[in-house]
Amino acid sequence: MPLQHIAVRPDGDVRLAPYGVIFPVTPGDERISIPLEHTGATGRGVFTATVICARSSRAAGPISGMERHPHSVQAFVPLGAYRLVAVAASGGEPPTEPGQLAALYIPAGWGFAWHPGVWHTGMMGDGMDAALVSMVRRIPDGSDTETITLPFSFNPAEPHAHGK
C-alpha cells in the first residue's frame, strides 16, 4: 500500500486528528495563538524557539528516518506564505511499511503542531524552501526527541494526487 496524501483543509479537517492541529498565522495586529499543550504532553523542560530553513520537498530525496517528541508538542510557524509538507505515522510503534504513512500538505497561512508521540519527518516546504520557527519543549536529559531508521525509504517528491 502506498503513502497516503492529505491536502489539509483549514475547516477543521478531521483527517489530522491522529497527527496534530493546524492554526492560523496570518499577520495582523493580534498575537498568534500557538497550541503548545495537548493531552499526553508531560514534558517539563524549557520551550525553545529555533528559526530553521526547511528544505523543499522536491529536494529532500529518499527519506529513511523519522522522529517523535514523546513528551511534548512540536509546533512550526512559517515566516512567510509557505505551503508546508511533512510525512507522519500515528503515535505508538514505529511504522514498518509505507502504507502506514501519510503526507500532510499544510496550506499557506497556517502553522502546524504535532501531537506528542507522533512519528514524523522534518517539516519541508511544499516544492520550495521555507523559513520556519520550530518550537518544542527541550528536556535536559534529551528524552524530548526519539529517532528511528525505517526499514524502507520513500521520496516525498514522487508524483501523487493531493487529497486522496
N, C-alpha and C. Protein backbone atom coordinates (compact mmCIF):
# COMPACT_ATOMS: atom_id res chain seq x y z
N MET A 1 0.85 -1.18 0.00
CA MET A 1 0.00 0.00 0.00
C MET A 1 0.90 1.24 0.00
N PRO A 2 0.61 2.21 -0.87
CA PRO A 2 1.46 3.41 -0.95
C PRO A 2 1.16 4.42 0.15
N LEU A 3 2.02 5.38 0.24
CA LEU A 3 1.88 6.52 1.13
C LEU A 3 0.57 7.26 0.84
N GLN A 4 -0.18 7.58 1.88
CA GLN A 4 -1.42 8.35 1.73
C GLN A 4 -1.09 9.84 1.67
N HIS A 5 -1.79 10.61 0.83
CA HIS A 5 -1.56 12.05 0.71
C HIS A 5 -2.81 12.80 1.16
N ILE A 6 -2.63 13.74 2.09
CA ILE A 6 -3.75 14.51 2.64
C ILE A 6 -3.49 15.99 2.43
N ALA A 7 -4.25 16.62 1.54
CA ALA A 7 -4.19 18.07 1.37
C ALA A 7 -5.13 18.65 2.42
N VAL A 8 -4.57 19.23 3.46
CA VAL A 8 -5.33 19.69 4.62
C VAL A 8 -6.22 20.87 4.26
N ARG A 9 -7.45 20.80 4.72
CA ARG A 9 -8.39 21.91 4.58
C ARG A 9 -8.45 22.64 5.92
N PRO A 10 -8.46 23.96 5.91
CA PRO A 10 -8.46 24.71 7.18
C PRO A 10 -9.83 24.82 7.84
N ASP A 11 -10.74 23.92 7.53
CA ASP A 11 -12.10 23.99 8.09
C ASP A 11 -12.35 22.92 9.15
N GLY A 12 -11.32 22.59 9.93
CA GLY A 12 -11.49 21.55 10.95
C GLY A 12 -11.34 20.17 10.36
N ASP A 13 -10.37 19.96 9.51
CA ASP A 13 -10.13 18.71 8.79
C ASP A 13 -9.90 17.56 9.77
N VAL A 14 -10.85 16.64 9.88
CA VAL A 14 -10.77 15.53 10.84
C VAL A 14 -9.66 14.53 10.50
N ARG A 15 -9.17 14.55 9.28
CA ARG A 15 -8.09 13.62 8.91
C ARG A 15 -6.80 13.92 9.66
N LEU A 16 -6.69 15.12 10.25
CA LEU A 16 -5.49 15.48 11.01
C LEU A 16 -5.49 14.94 12.43
N ALA A 17 -6.64 14.50 12.92
CA ALA A 17 -6.80 14.13 14.33
C ALA A 17 -5.69 13.22 14.87
N PRO A 18 -5.22 12.20 14.15
CA PRO A 18 -4.17 11.36 14.73
C PRO A 18 -2.80 12.02 14.79
N TYR A 19 -2.61 13.11 14.07
CA TYR A 19 -1.28 13.67 13.89
C TYR A 19 -1.04 14.99 14.63
N GLY A 20 -1.96 15.91 14.53
CA GLY A 20 -1.75 17.22 15.12
C GLY A 20 -2.85 18.18 14.72
N VAL A 21 -2.57 19.47 14.85
CA VAL A 21 -3.56 20.50 14.53
C VAL A 21 -2.90 21.63 13.74
N ILE A 22 -3.72 22.30 12.93
CA ILE A 22 -3.24 23.49 12.25
C ILE A 22 -3.77 24.71 12.99
N PHE A 23 -3.11 25.84 12.79
CA PHE A 23 -3.55 27.09 13.42
C PHE A 23 -3.18 28.24 12.48
N PRO A 24 -4.02 29.29 12.43
CA PRO A 24 -3.76 30.39 11.51
C PRO A 24 -2.57 31.23 11.96
N VAL A 25 -1.77 31.67 10.99
CA VAL A 25 -0.62 32.52 11.30
C VAL A 25 -0.63 33.78 10.43
N THR A 26 -1.82 34.20 10.05
CA THR A 26 -1.94 35.39 9.22
C THR A 26 -1.48 36.60 10.01
N PRO A 27 -0.53 37.35 9.47
CA PRO A 27 -0.05 38.54 10.18
C PRO A 27 -1.17 39.55 10.40
N GLY A 28 -1.11 40.22 11.52
CA GLY A 28 -2.11 41.22 11.85
C GLY A 28 -1.75 41.89 13.15
N ASP A 29 -2.71 42.59 13.71
CA ASP A 29 -2.47 43.32 14.95
C ASP A 29 -2.53 42.43 16.19
N GLU A 30 -3.11 41.25 16.06
CA GLU A 30 -3.28 40.37 17.22
C GLU A 30 -2.13 39.37 17.30
N ARG A 31 -1.95 38.83 18.48
CA ARG A 31 -0.94 37.79 18.69
C ARG A 31 -1.44 36.48 18.07
N ILE A 32 -0.49 35.65 17.67
CA ILE A 32 -0.82 34.34 17.12
C ILE A 32 -0.85 33.35 18.27
N SER A 33 -1.96 32.64 18.41
CA SER A 33 -2.09 31.63 19.45
C SER A 33 -1.53 30.31 18.92
N ILE A 34 -0.49 29.79 19.59
CA ILE A 34 0.16 28.56 19.15
C ILE A 34 -0.17 27.45 20.15
N PRO A 35 -0.79 26.35 19.68
CA PRO A 35 -1.22 25.27 20.58
C PRO A 35 -0.06 24.40 21.06
N LEU A 36 0.60 24.81 22.12
CA LEU A 36 1.76 24.08 22.62
C LEU A 36 1.43 23.09 23.73
N GLU A 37 0.17 22.94 24.06
CA GLU A 37 -0.25 21.95 25.06
C GLU A 37 -1.22 20.98 24.40
N HIS A 38 -1.19 19.74 24.85
CA HIS A 38 -2.09 18.72 24.32
C HIS A 38 -2.16 17.58 25.32
N THR A 39 -3.25 16.84 25.31
CA THR A 39 -3.37 15.66 26.16
C THR A 39 -2.17 14.75 25.91
N GLY A 40 -1.52 14.33 26.95
CA GLY A 40 -0.36 13.46 26.83
C GLY A 40 0.96 14.21 26.86
N ALA A 41 0.93 15.53 26.83
CA ALA A 41 2.17 16.31 26.91
C ALA A 41 2.59 16.39 28.37
N THR A 42 3.71 15.73 28.69
CA THR A 42 4.18 15.68 30.07
C THR A 42 5.56 16.30 30.24
N GLY A 43 6.14 16.81 29.16
CA GLY A 43 7.48 17.38 29.21
C GLY A 43 7.54 18.56 30.16
N ARG A 44 8.58 18.64 30.96
CA ARG A 44 8.75 19.73 31.92
C ARG A 44 10.04 20.50 31.67
N GLY A 45 10.46 20.55 30.42
CA GLY A 45 11.65 21.32 30.07
C GLY A 45 11.26 22.72 29.64
N VAL A 46 12.19 23.41 29.02
CA VAL A 46 12.00 24.78 28.58
C VAL A 46 11.60 24.79 27.11
N PHE A 47 10.55 25.54 26.77
CA PHE A 47 10.20 25.68 25.37
C PHE A 47 11.29 26.46 24.67
N THR A 48 11.72 25.95 23.54
CA THR A 48 12.72 26.64 22.73
C THR A 48 12.10 27.01 21.40
N ALA A 49 12.55 28.09 20.84
CA ALA A 49 12.13 28.51 19.50
C ALA A 49 13.40 28.61 18.66
N THR A 50 13.41 27.90 17.53
CA THR A 50 14.56 27.88 16.65
C THR A 50 14.11 28.25 15.25
N VAL A 51 14.77 29.22 14.64
CA VAL A 51 14.48 29.57 13.25
C VAL A 51 15.24 28.59 12.37
N ILE A 52 14.52 27.95 11.45
CA ILE A 52 15.14 26.97 10.57
C ILE A 52 14.79 27.27 9.11
N CYS A 53 15.62 26.79 8.22
CA CYS A 53 15.30 26.82 6.79
C CYS A 53 14.93 25.39 6.43
N ALA A 54 13.65 25.16 6.18
CA ALA A 54 13.18 23.82 5.82
C ALA A 54 13.40 23.63 4.33
N ARG A 55 14.00 22.53 3.98
CA ARG A 55 14.27 22.27 2.56
C ARG A 55 12.98 21.99 1.80
N SER A 56 13.07 22.13 0.51
CA SER A 56 11.94 21.84 -0.36
C SER A 56 11.68 20.33 -0.38
N SER A 57 10.43 19.94 -0.43
CA SER A 57 10.09 18.52 -0.54
C SER A 57 10.64 17.93 -1.83
N ARG A 58 10.83 18.76 -2.85
CA ARG A 58 11.40 18.28 -4.12
C ARG A 58 12.89 17.99 -4.01
N ALA A 59 13.55 18.60 -3.04
CA ALA A 59 14.99 18.42 -2.87
C ALA A 59 15.32 17.41 -1.77
N ALA A 60 14.31 16.87 -1.11
CA ALA A 60 14.55 16.00 0.05
C ALA A 60 15.22 14.69 -0.32
N GLY A 61 14.91 14.15 -1.51
CA GLY A 61 15.46 12.85 -1.88
C GLY A 61 14.84 11.76 -1.03
N PRO A 62 15.41 10.56 -1.09
CA PRO A 62 14.86 9.46 -0.29
C PRO A 62 14.99 9.73 1.21
N ILE A 63 13.93 9.49 1.94
CA ILE A 63 13.92 9.66 3.40
C ILE A 63 13.81 8.27 4.03
N SER A 64 14.65 8.00 5.02
CA SER A 64 14.62 6.69 5.66
C SER A 64 14.60 6.79 7.18
N GLY A 65 14.29 7.97 7.71
CA GLY A 65 14.24 8.13 9.16
C GLY A 65 13.11 9.04 9.58
N MET A 66 12.72 8.93 10.83
CA MET A 66 11.67 9.76 11.41
C MET A 66 12.03 10.07 12.85
N GLU A 67 11.31 11.00 13.42
CA GLU A 67 11.49 11.34 14.83
C GLU A 67 10.13 11.53 15.47
N ARG A 68 10.16 11.59 16.80
CA ARG A 68 8.95 11.95 17.54
C ARG A 68 9.37 12.61 18.84
N HIS A 69 8.43 13.34 19.42
CA HIS A 69 8.63 14.01 20.70
C HIS A 69 7.61 13.38 21.65
N PRO A 70 8.04 12.36 22.41
CA PRO A 70 7.08 11.59 23.20
C PRO A 70 6.42 12.35 24.34
N HIS A 71 7.03 13.45 24.78
CA HIS A 71 6.51 14.17 25.93
C HIS A 71 5.99 15.56 25.61
N SER A 72 6.18 16.02 24.38
CA SER A 72 5.87 17.42 24.07
C SER A 72 5.24 17.60 22.71
N VAL A 73 4.55 18.71 22.58
CA VAL A 73 4.06 19.19 21.30
C VAL A 73 5.24 19.87 20.60
N GLN A 74 5.34 19.69 19.28
CA GLN A 74 6.29 20.48 18.48
C GLN A 74 5.46 21.27 17.48
N ALA A 75 5.68 22.58 17.44
CA ALA A 75 4.91 23.45 16.56
C ALA A 75 5.83 24.14 15.57
N PHE A 76 5.28 24.41 14.38
CA PHE A 76 6.00 25.11 13.32
C PHE A 76 5.20 26.31 12.87
N VAL A 77 5.85 27.47 12.85
CA VAL A 77 5.22 28.71 12.40
C VAL A 77 5.99 29.18 11.16
N PRO A 78 5.34 29.19 9.99
CA PRO A 78 6.03 29.68 8.80
C PRO A 78 6.24 31.19 8.88
N LEU A 79 7.40 31.65 8.40
CA LEU A 79 7.73 33.06 8.43
C LEU A 79 7.41 33.76 7.10
N GLY A 80 6.57 33.16 6.32
CA GLY A 80 6.13 33.70 5.04
C GLY A 80 4.94 32.88 4.57
N ALA A 81 4.47 33.15 3.38
CA ALA A 81 3.29 32.45 2.83
C ALA A 81 3.72 31.13 2.19
N TYR A 82 4.24 30.24 3.02
CA TYR A 82 4.72 28.96 2.54
C TYR A 82 3.66 27.88 2.73
N ARG A 83 3.58 26.99 1.74
CA ARG A 83 2.85 25.74 1.93
C ARG A 83 3.86 24.77 2.54
N LEU A 84 3.42 23.96 3.48
CA LEU A 84 4.32 23.04 4.18
C LEU A 84 3.90 21.60 3.92
N VAL A 85 4.84 20.69 4.05
CA VAL A 85 4.55 19.26 3.92
C VAL A 85 5.45 18.50 4.89
N ALA A 86 4.89 17.47 5.48
CA ALA A 86 5.65 16.53 6.31
C ALA A 86 4.98 15.17 6.19
N VAL A 87 5.73 14.14 6.47
CA VAL A 87 5.21 12.78 6.42
C VAL A 87 5.15 12.27 7.85
N ALA A 88 4.05 11.59 8.19
CA ALA A 88 3.84 11.16 9.58
C ALA A 88 3.20 9.78 9.65
N ALA A 89 3.36 9.18 10.82
CA ALA A 89 2.65 7.95 11.19
C ALA A 89 2.04 8.23 12.56
N SER A 90 0.87 7.71 12.81
CA SER A 90 0.25 7.98 14.11
C SER A 90 1.14 7.42 15.22
N GLY A 91 0.96 7.93 16.43
CA GLY A 91 1.80 7.55 17.57
C GLY A 91 1.79 6.06 17.83
N GLY A 92 2.67 5.64 18.68
CA GLY A 92 2.76 4.23 19.01
C GLY A 92 4.00 3.61 18.41
N GLU A 93 3.86 2.40 17.91
CA GLU A 93 5.00 1.69 17.34
C GLU A 93 5.48 2.39 16.06
N PRO A 94 6.78 2.34 15.79
CA PRO A 94 7.30 2.92 14.55
C PRO A 94 6.68 2.23 13.32
N PRO A 95 6.52 2.97 12.23
CA PRO A 95 5.96 2.36 11.02
C PRO A 95 6.93 1.33 10.43
N THR A 96 6.36 0.30 9.82
CA THR A 96 7.17 -0.76 9.21
C THR A 96 6.95 -0.86 7.71
N GLU A 97 5.99 -0.10 7.17
CA GLU A 97 5.73 -0.12 5.72
C GLU A 97 5.15 1.22 5.30
N PRO A 98 5.35 1.60 4.03
CA PRO A 98 4.90 2.92 3.55
C PRO A 98 3.40 3.16 3.71
N GLY A 99 2.60 2.13 3.67
CA GLY A 99 1.15 2.29 3.80
C GLY A 99 0.72 2.82 5.16
N GLN A 100 1.62 2.84 6.14
CA GLN A 100 1.31 3.38 7.46
C GLN A 100 1.59 4.88 7.55
N LEU A 101 2.07 5.46 6.46
CA LEU A 101 2.45 6.87 6.47
C LEU A 101 1.43 7.73 5.73
N ALA A 102 1.37 8.98 6.14
CA ALA A 102 0.55 9.98 5.47
C ALA A 102 1.39 11.23 5.24
N ALA A 103 1.36 11.75 4.01
CA ALA A 103 1.99 13.03 3.71
C ALA A 103 0.93 14.10 3.95
N LEU A 104 1.24 15.05 4.82
CA LEU A 104 0.30 16.11 5.18
C LEU A 104 0.74 17.40 4.49
N TYR A 105 -0.15 18.00 3.73
CA TYR A 105 0.11 19.24 3.00
C TYR A 105 -0.65 20.35 3.69
N ILE A 106 0.08 21.27 4.31
CA ILE A 106 -0.49 22.35 5.11
C ILE A 106 -0.58 23.59 4.22
N PRO A 107 -1.77 24.23 4.13
CA PRO A 107 -1.90 25.40 3.26
C PRO A 107 -1.11 26.60 3.76
N ALA A 108 -0.76 27.50 2.83
CA ALA A 108 -0.06 28.74 3.19
C ALA A 108 -0.93 29.53 4.17
N GLY A 109 -0.28 30.20 5.13
CA GLY A 109 -1.00 30.99 6.11
C GLY A 109 -1.40 30.20 7.36
N TRP A 110 -0.96 28.96 7.44
CA TRP A 110 -1.29 28.09 8.58
C TRP A 110 -0.02 27.47 9.14
N GLY A 111 0.03 27.34 10.46
CA GLY A 111 1.10 26.63 11.14
C GLY A 111 0.62 25.23 11.49
N PHE A 112 1.52 24.43 12.06
CA PHE A 112 1.17 23.06 12.40
C PHE A 112 1.81 22.68 13.72
N ALA A 113 1.09 21.93 14.55
CA ALA A 113 1.61 21.44 15.83
C ALA A 113 1.39 19.92 15.89
N TRP A 114 2.48 19.17 16.04
CA TRP A 114 2.41 17.71 16.19
C TRP A 114 1.90 17.36 17.58
N HIS A 115 1.05 16.35 17.67
CA HIS A 115 0.68 15.79 18.97
C HIS A 115 1.89 15.04 19.54
N PRO A 116 2.00 14.93 20.86
CA PRO A 116 3.09 14.16 21.45
C PRO A 116 3.08 12.72 20.93
N GLY A 117 4.26 12.18 20.64
CA GLY A 117 4.39 10.78 20.27
C GLY A 117 4.16 10.45 18.81
N VAL A 118 3.86 11.41 17.97
CA VAL A 118 3.60 11.14 16.55
C VAL A 118 4.94 11.08 15.80
N TRP A 119 5.15 9.97 15.09
CA TRP A 119 6.36 9.84 14.28
C TRP A 119 6.23 10.76 13.08
N HIS A 120 7.30 11.52 12.75
CA HIS A 120 7.23 12.45 11.62
C HIS A 120 8.62 12.73 11.05
N THR A 121 8.61 13.17 9.81
CA THR A 121 9.83 13.67 9.17
C THR A 121 10.00 15.12 9.59
N GLY A 122 11.08 15.72 9.16
CA GLY A 122 11.22 17.15 9.33
C GLY A 122 10.19 17.86 8.46
N MET A 123 9.80 19.05 8.87
CA MET A 123 8.88 19.85 8.07
C MET A 123 9.62 20.31 6.82
N MET A 124 8.93 20.32 5.70
CA MET A 124 9.51 20.74 4.42
C MET A 124 8.61 21.79 3.79
N GLY A 125 9.18 22.60 2.92
CA GLY A 125 8.36 23.47 2.08
C GLY A 125 7.76 22.63 0.97
N ASP A 126 6.53 22.88 0.60
CA ASP A 126 5.86 22.10 -0.45
C ASP A 126 6.35 22.62 -1.81
N GLY A 127 7.48 22.07 -2.26
CA GLY A 127 8.04 22.45 -3.54
C GLY A 127 8.95 23.66 -3.49
N MET A 128 9.21 24.20 -2.31
CA MET A 128 10.08 25.37 -2.14
C MET A 128 10.73 25.30 -0.77
N ASP A 129 11.88 25.97 -0.61
CA ASP A 129 12.45 26.10 0.72
C ASP A 129 11.54 27.01 1.53
N ALA A 130 11.53 26.86 2.85
CA ALA A 130 10.63 27.64 3.70
C ALA A 130 11.33 28.00 5.01
N ALA A 131 11.24 29.25 5.40
CA ALA A 131 11.76 29.69 6.70
C ALA A 131 10.67 29.48 7.74
N LEU A 132 11.03 28.85 8.86
CA LEU A 132 10.07 28.49 9.89
C LEU A 132 10.65 28.75 11.27
N VAL A 133 9.76 28.89 12.24
CA VAL A 133 10.16 28.83 13.64
C VAL A 133 9.66 27.49 14.16
N SER A 134 10.55 26.71 14.75
CA SER A 134 10.21 25.43 15.36
C SER A 134 10.21 25.62 16.87
N MET A 135 9.13 25.19 17.53
CA MET A 135 9.03 25.29 18.98
C MET A 135 8.77 23.92 19.57
N VAL A 136 9.54 23.57 20.60
CA VAL A 136 9.35 22.31 21.30
C VAL A 136 9.90 22.48 22.71
N ARG A 137 9.41 21.67 23.63
CA ARG A 137 9.92 21.70 25.00
C ARG A 137 11.18 20.84 25.06
N ARG A 138 12.31 21.45 25.37
CA ARG A 138 13.58 20.73 25.45
C ARG A 138 13.80 20.24 26.88
N ILE A 139 13.96 18.94 27.02
CA ILE A 139 14.13 18.31 28.33
C ILE A 139 15.62 18.06 28.53
N PRO A 140 16.18 18.44 29.67
CA PRO A 140 17.63 18.36 29.88
C PRO A 140 18.26 16.98 29.60
N ASP A 141 17.54 15.89 29.86
CA ASP A 141 18.14 14.57 29.64
C ASP A 141 18.02 14.09 28.20
N GLY A 142 17.48 14.91 27.29
CA GLY A 142 17.37 14.54 25.88
C GLY A 142 16.19 13.66 25.54
N SER A 143 15.34 13.35 26.52
CA SER A 143 14.21 12.45 26.27
C SER A 143 13.08 13.11 25.49
N ASP A 144 13.27 14.36 25.09
CA ASP A 144 12.24 15.06 24.34
C ASP A 144 12.18 14.61 22.88
N THR A 145 13.22 13.94 22.39
CA THR A 145 13.24 13.53 20.98
C THR A 145 13.74 12.10 20.86
N GLU A 146 13.02 11.27 20.08
CA GLU A 146 13.44 9.92 19.74
C GLU A 146 13.53 9.84 18.22
N THR A 147 14.49 9.08 17.70
CA THR A 147 14.63 8.91 16.26
C THR A 147 14.65 7.43 15.91
N ILE A 148 14.25 7.14 14.67
CA ILE A 148 14.28 5.76 14.17
C ILE A 148 14.80 5.77 12.74
N THR A 149 15.37 4.64 12.33
CA THR A 149 15.68 4.38 10.93
C THR A 149 14.61 3.43 10.44
N LEU A 150 13.94 3.79 9.36
CA LEU A 150 12.87 2.96 8.81
C LEU A 150 13.44 1.77 8.04
N PRO A 151 12.67 0.67 7.96
CA PRO A 151 13.13 -0.49 7.17
C PRO A 151 12.87 -0.30 5.67
N PHE A 152 12.54 0.91 5.26
CA PHE A 152 12.27 1.26 3.87
C PHE A 152 12.59 2.74 3.72
N SER A 153 12.58 3.24 2.51
CA SER A 153 12.73 4.68 2.29
C SER A 153 11.64 5.13 1.33
N PHE A 154 11.40 6.43 1.29
CA PHE A 154 10.39 6.99 0.39
C PHE A 154 10.86 8.37 -0.03
N ASN A 155 10.32 8.84 -1.14
CA ASN A 155 10.67 10.15 -1.66
C ASN A 155 9.41 11.01 -1.66
N PRO A 156 9.35 12.08 -0.83
CA PRO A 156 8.14 12.90 -0.77
C PRO A 156 7.85 13.65 -2.06
N ALA A 157 8.81 13.72 -2.99
CA ALA A 157 8.60 14.44 -4.24
C ALA A 157 8.02 13.56 -5.35
N GLU A 158 7.83 12.27 -5.07
CA GLU A 158 7.27 11.40 -6.11
C GLU A 158 5.87 11.86 -6.47
N PRO A 159 5.46 11.69 -7.72
CA PRO A 159 4.12 12.14 -8.14
C PRO A 159 3.03 11.56 -7.25
N HIS A 160 2.04 12.38 -7.00
CA HIS A 160 0.94 11.96 -6.14
C HIS A 160 -0.30 12.76 -6.49
N ALA A 161 -1.42 12.34 -5.93
CA ALA A 161 -2.68 13.06 -6.10
C ALA A 161 -3.05 13.65 -4.76
N HIS A 162 -3.02 14.98 -4.65
CA HIS A 162 -3.39 15.64 -3.40
C HIS A 162 -4.83 15.28 -3.02
N GLY A 163 -5.06 15.15 -1.73
CA GLY A 163 -6.41 15.00 -1.21
C GLY A 163 -6.93 13.59 -1.16
N LYS A 164 -6.15 12.60 -1.57
CA LYS A 164 -6.64 11.22 -1.50
C LYS A 164 -6.53 10.68 -0.11
